[in-house]
Protein backbone atom coordinates (compact mmCIF):
# COMPACT_ATOMS: atom_id res chain seq x y z
CA MET A 1 53.84 9.49 -34.57
CA LYS A 2 52.05 9.65 -31.20
CA LYS A 3 49.36 11.90 -32.68
CA ILE A 4 48.73 9.39 -35.47
CA ASN A 5 48.42 6.55 -32.97
CA LEU A 6 45.94 8.52 -30.87
CA VAL A 7 43.82 9.22 -33.93
CA LEU A 8 43.83 5.55 -34.87
CA ILE A 9 42.87 4.50 -31.33
CA ALA A 10 40.03 7.03 -31.21
CA SER A 11 38.77 5.91 -34.62
CA PHE A 12 38.84 2.28 -33.52
CA ALA A 13 36.84 3.13 -30.38
CA VAL A 14 34.16 4.89 -32.43
CA ILE A 15 33.96 1.98 -34.88
CA TRP A 16 33.65 -0.55 -32.00
CA ALA A 17 30.94 1.50 -30.29
CA CYS A 18 28.92 1.70 -33.48
CA SER A 19 29.44 -1.91 -34.56
CA PRO A 20 26.83 -4.64 -33.95
CA LYS A 21 27.21 -6.30 -30.55
CA THR A 22 27.23 -10.01 -29.93
CA THR A 23 24.07 -11.57 -28.56
CA GLU A 24 25.67 -11.86 -25.12
CA GLU A 25 26.80 -8.21 -25.10
CA ALA A 26 23.39 -6.98 -26.27
CA THR A 27 21.66 -9.03 -23.58
CA GLU A 28 23.89 -7.51 -20.91
CA LEU A 29 23.13 -4.00 -22.16
CA VAL A 30 19.34 -4.35 -22.16
CA GLU A 31 19.00 -6.68 -19.18
CA GLU A 32 16.86 -5.16 -16.46
CA LYS A 33 17.03 -6.15 -12.84
CA VAL A 34 14.04 -8.33 -12.04
CA VAL A 35 12.41 -7.55 -8.70
CA LEU A 36 10.47 -10.51 -7.38
CA ASP A 37 7.15 -9.95 -5.65
CA ASN A 38 6.96 -10.36 -1.89
CA THR A 39 10.71 -10.13 -1.34
CA LEU A 40 13.13 -7.67 0.22
CA ASN A 41 16.39 -6.61 -1.37
CA GLU A 42 19.58 -6.30 0.65
CA ASP A 43 19.20 -2.54 1.12
CA GLU A 44 15.67 -3.00 2.45
CA LYS A 45 16.79 -5.70 4.84
CA ALA A 46 19.59 -3.47 6.09
CA GLY A 47 17.10 -0.60 6.42
CA GLY A 48 14.88 -2.54 8.81
CA TRP A 49 12.07 -3.46 6.42
CA MET A 50 10.00 -6.58 7.10
CA LEU A 51 7.45 -8.42 4.98
CA LEU A 52 3.92 -8.81 6.28
CA PHE A 53 3.10 -11.30 3.52
CA ASP A 54 5.45 -13.75 1.79
CA GLY A 55 3.20 -14.61 -1.15
CA GLU A 56 2.78 -18.23 -0.09
CA SER A 57 0.98 -18.28 3.25
CA ALA A 58 -1.20 -16.06 5.41
CA ASP A 59 1.02 -16.54 8.45
CA GLY A 60 0.47 -13.71 10.90
CA TRP A 61 -2.93 -12.74 9.50
CA ARG A 62 -6.25 -13.58 11.14
CA ALA A 63 -9.74 -12.19 11.46
CA PHE A 64 -10.21 -8.98 13.41
CA ASN A 65 -11.18 -10.08 16.93
CA GLY A 66 -10.73 -13.66 15.73
CA ASP A 67 -8.33 -16.57 15.89
CA THR A 68 -8.04 -17.75 12.29
CA LEU A 69 -8.13 -16.39 8.76
CA PRO A 70 -11.77 -15.99 7.68
CA PRO A 71 -12.95 -17.93 4.62
CA ASN A 72 -13.36 -14.79 2.52
CA TRP A 73 -9.56 -14.42 2.24
CA THR A 74 -7.24 -16.75 0.35
CA ILE A 75 -3.81 -16.95 -1.28
CA GLU A 76 -3.91 -16.64 -5.08
CA ASP A 77 -0.92 -16.34 -7.42
CA GLY A 78 1.28 -14.69 -4.82
CA THR A 79 -1.43 -12.34 -3.54
CA LEU A 80 -3.53 -12.09 -0.41
CA LYS A 81 -6.97 -11.97 -1.99
CA GLY A 82 -10.30 -10.87 -0.56
CA LEU A 83 -12.92 -12.96 -2.33
CA GLY A 84 -15.80 -10.52 -2.10
CA HIS A 85 -19.46 -11.45 -1.88
CA ASP A 86 -22.93 -10.07 -2.45
CA GLY A 87 -24.31 -8.06 0.42
CA GLY A 88 -21.76 -5.50 1.52
CA ASP A 89 -19.39 -5.54 4.45
CA ILE A 90 -19.82 -8.72 6.49
CA GLY A 91 -17.04 -8.01 8.97
CA GLY A 92 -14.40 -10.13 7.23
CA ASP A 93 -11.58 -7.66 7.94
CA ILE A 94 -8.19 -9.14 8.79
CA VAL A 95 -5.28 -7.96 10.94
CA PHE A 96 -1.57 -8.68 11.03
CA ALA A 97 -1.46 -9.89 14.61
CA PRO A 98 2.18 -10.62 15.57
CA MET A 99 3.07 -7.02 16.34
CA GLN A 100 1.79 -3.46 16.63
CA PHE A 101 3.20 -0.31 15.06
CA GLU A 102 3.35 3.32 16.11
CA GLU A 103 5.59 5.34 13.77
CA PHE A 104 6.27 3.52 10.52
CA GLU A 105 6.69 3.52 6.75
CA MET A 106 4.54 0.99 4.90
CA GLU A 107 4.29 0.04 1.23
CA PHE A 108 1.84 -2.26 -0.52
CA THR A 109 0.72 -3.20 -4.03
CA TRP A 110 -2.95 -3.75 -4.78
CA LYS A 111 -5.68 -4.01 -7.38
CA ILE A 112 -9.44 -4.11 -7.04
CA ALA A 113 -12.43 -5.41 -8.99
CA THR A 114 -14.74 -3.07 -10.90
CA GLY A 115 -16.85 -1.05 -8.48
CA GLY A 116 -14.80 -2.38 -5.57
CA ASN A 117 -14.05 -0.92 -2.15
CA SER A 118 -11.47 -1.82 0.49
CA GLY A 119 -8.93 -0.09 2.70
CA VAL A 120 -5.77 -0.37 4.77
CA PHE A 121 -5.92 0.56 8.46
CA TYR A 122 -3.29 1.22 11.10
CA HIS A 123 -3.30 1.81 14.88
CA VAL A 124 -6.17 -0.68 15.05
CA VAL A 125 -7.27 -1.79 18.52
CA GLU A 126 -9.00 -5.12 19.06
CA ASP A 127 -11.79 -5.46 21.60
CA PRO A 128 -15.23 -7.13 21.49
CA LYS A 129 -16.80 -3.68 21.80
CA TYR A 130 -15.36 -2.75 18.38
CA ALA A 131 -17.15 -4.35 15.44
CA ALA A 132 -14.50 -3.43 12.86
CA PRO A 133 -11.07 -1.82 12.52
CA TYR A 134 -12.56 1.53 11.48
CA TYR A 135 -13.88 2.02 15.02
CA THR A 136 -10.32 2.84 16.08
CA GLY A 137 -7.93 2.90 13.12
CA PRO A 138 -7.29 5.58 10.48
CA GLU A 139 -7.78 4.32 6.92
CA TYR A 140 -5.92 4.67 3.63
CA GLN A 141 -8.85 4.41 1.22
CA VAL A 142 -8.66 1.73 -1.49
CA ILE A 143 -11.48 2.01 -4.01
CA ASP A 144 -12.33 1.88 -7.72
CA GLN A 145 -12.33 5.65 -8.14
CA LEU A 146 -13.36 5.50 -11.80
CA GLY A 147 -16.01 2.80 -11.62
CA PHE A 148 -17.61 2.97 -8.20
CA PRO A 149 -21.38 2.65 -8.70
CA GLN A 150 -22.37 5.49 -6.34
CA PRO A 151 -21.13 9.09 -6.22
CA LEU A 152 -18.17 9.51 -3.88
CA GLU A 153 -17.67 12.32 -1.43
CA ASP A 154 -14.21 13.84 -1.80
CA TRP A 155 -13.21 12.44 1.60
CA GLN A 156 -14.21 8.95 0.42
CA SER A 157 -11.90 9.10 -2.57
CA LEU A 158 -8.94 6.91 -3.42
CA ALA A 159 -5.81 7.43 -1.29
CA ALA A 160 -7.67 9.69 1.14
CA ASP A 161 -7.18 9.64 4.88
CA TYR A 162 -10.77 8.44 5.04
CA ALA A 163 -13.23 11.06 6.32
CA MET A 164 -10.33 13.24 7.43
CA TYR A 165 -8.15 14.52 4.58
CA VAL A 166 -9.11 14.81 0.89
CA PRO A 167 -6.56 13.35 -1.56
CA ASP A 168 -4.92 14.84 -4.63
CA PHE A 169 -4.79 11.86 -6.99
CA GLU A 170 -4.86 13.74 -10.30
CA GLY A 171 -2.89 11.94 -12.98
CA VAL A 172 -2.23 8.70 -11.10
CA VAL A 173 -5.60 6.92 -10.94
CA LYS A 174 -5.72 3.56 -12.74
CA PRO A 175 -8.78 1.59 -13.86
CA ALA A 176 -10.03 -1.34 -11.81
CA GLY A 177 -8.01 -4.49 -12.37
CA GLU A 178 -4.66 -2.70 -12.76
CA TRP A 179 -1.92 -2.81 -10.13
CA ASN A 180 -1.22 0.19 -7.93
CA THR A 181 1.57 0.96 -5.49
CA SER A 182 0.76 2.78 -2.27
CA LYS A 183 2.72 4.08 0.68
CA ILE A 184 1.93 5.39 4.14
CA ILE A 185 4.50 7.27 6.19
CA PHE A 186 3.32 8.00 9.72
CA THR A 187 5.09 9.81 12.52
CA ASN A 188 3.65 11.87 15.33
CA GLU A 189 5.04 14.97 13.60
CA LYS A 190 3.81 14.29 10.05
CA ALA A 191 1.86 11.75 8.00
CA GLU A 192 1.95 11.26 4.22
CA TYR A 193 0.02 9.00 1.85
CA TYR A 194 1.21 8.16 -1.67
CA LEU A 195 -0.41 6.58 -4.73
CA ASN A 196 1.67 5.40 -7.70
CA GLY A 197 4.52 7.70 -6.68
CA LYS A 198 2.44 10.81 -6.03
CA LYS A 199 1.82 12.27 -2.59
CA THR A 200 -1.95 12.44 -2.16
CA VAL A 201 -2.28 13.52 1.47
CA GLU A 202 -0.11 15.24 4.06
CA PHE A 203 -1.17 16.20 7.58
CA VAL A 204 0.08 16.67 11.12
CA PRO A 205 -1.47 14.07 13.42
CA TYR A 206 -3.03 15.34 16.64
CA SER A 207 -2.62 18.97 15.55
CA GLU A 208 -5.33 21.59 16.00
CA ASP A 209 -6.45 21.06 12.40
CA TRP A 210 -6.48 17.29 12.87
CA LEU A 211 -8.51 17.58 16.10
CA GLU A 212 -11.03 19.86 14.40
CA ARG A 213 -11.58 17.27 11.65
CA ARG A 214 -11.62 14.43 14.17
CA ASN A 215 -14.33 16.19 16.18
CA SER A 216 -16.39 17.51 13.25
CA GLY A 217 -19.21 14.97 13.68
CA LYS A 218 -18.21 12.13 11.35
CA TRP A 219 -16.72 10.14 14.21
CA ASP A 220 -19.31 10.93 16.88
CA GLU A 221 -20.52 7.32 16.82
CA PHE A 222 -16.93 6.10 17.12
CA PRO A 223 -15.52 7.91 20.15
CA ASP A 224 -12.30 5.85 20.17
CA TYR A 225 -11.40 6.58 16.55
CA ALA A 226 -7.68 7.46 16.23
CA ILE A 227 -7.22 7.75 19.98
CA SER A 228 -4.59 5.03 20.16
CA LYS A 229 -1.15 6.01 18.88
CA THR A 230 -0.16 2.40 18.30
CA GLY A 231 -1.95 -0.68 17.01
CA LEU A 232 -2.37 -3.35 14.37
CA ILE A 233 -2.33 -3.17 10.56
CA ALA A 234 -5.63 -4.29 9.00
CA LEU A 235 -7.07 -4.99 5.54
CA GLN A 236 -10.75 -4.36 4.88
CA ASP A 237 -13.34 -6.70 3.47
CA HIS A 238 -16.01 -4.47 1.95
CA GLY A 239 -17.67 -7.08 -0.24
CA SER A 240 -15.35 -6.66 -3.23
CA GLU A 241 -12.66 -8.76 -4.80
CA VAL A 242 -9.33 -7.18 -3.89
CA TRP A 243 -5.73 -8.34 -4.18
CA TYR A 244 -2.74 -7.30 -2.04
CA LYS A 245 0.95 -8.15 -2.35
CA ASN A 246 4.39 -6.68 -1.56
CA ILE A 247 3.13 -5.65 1.87
CA LYS A 248 6.17 -4.43 3.76
CA ILE A 249 6.83 -2.11 6.68
CA ARG A 250 9.62 -0.64 8.79
CA THR A 251 9.45 1.19 12.09
CA LEU A 252 10.58 4.80 12.27
């Protein structure tokens, strides 16, 4: 008798699993967790992450060597947008001024206009003798790799450590106008850059190899490049429309 009951129970379970679900049950099965832009989940909060942009205001951001946000940056649909202009880089770079970072993990989401160019800097030092963040800060290159109007050197390519380490971005490059996710992990022992989930660059800061690249001639006109081991985060205005969101960071 027990065997018969077990067979009946098993048969009922199979029939229930294969039967049509109610609308409520089906919704629960296919429902995906919605992650809102410019927010932190509980795990991120517990892990020490902080937002550098809340999607509604530019609090904390101002012009490099300036006091206010320059007019070529605005808030648009939950993004921090560089408006772009005709005529190249006009020095409209911005910094997150409330605090400096040394060792950190940083993530950001971005897209860029066709033929566009921008970048994310760290360890940036402000001083009137520096005309732009690239005088002192290493750069994660943001660029329209597929549609840039001039040929790019390999060290100028997307997700490079600009003019230092050439990226491996094969299989993860998206056309201009599409969203990308990027990550920088920097410690004094190792640095890594990521693009859309793929590691593009890895290097050991201040190592013999790093020093050789640093002193190879590219930075001769910028003797303070990458000397500081702490500094500000900066976003580059290079004359192109560019959008940033989900900018978050934690110290390591």
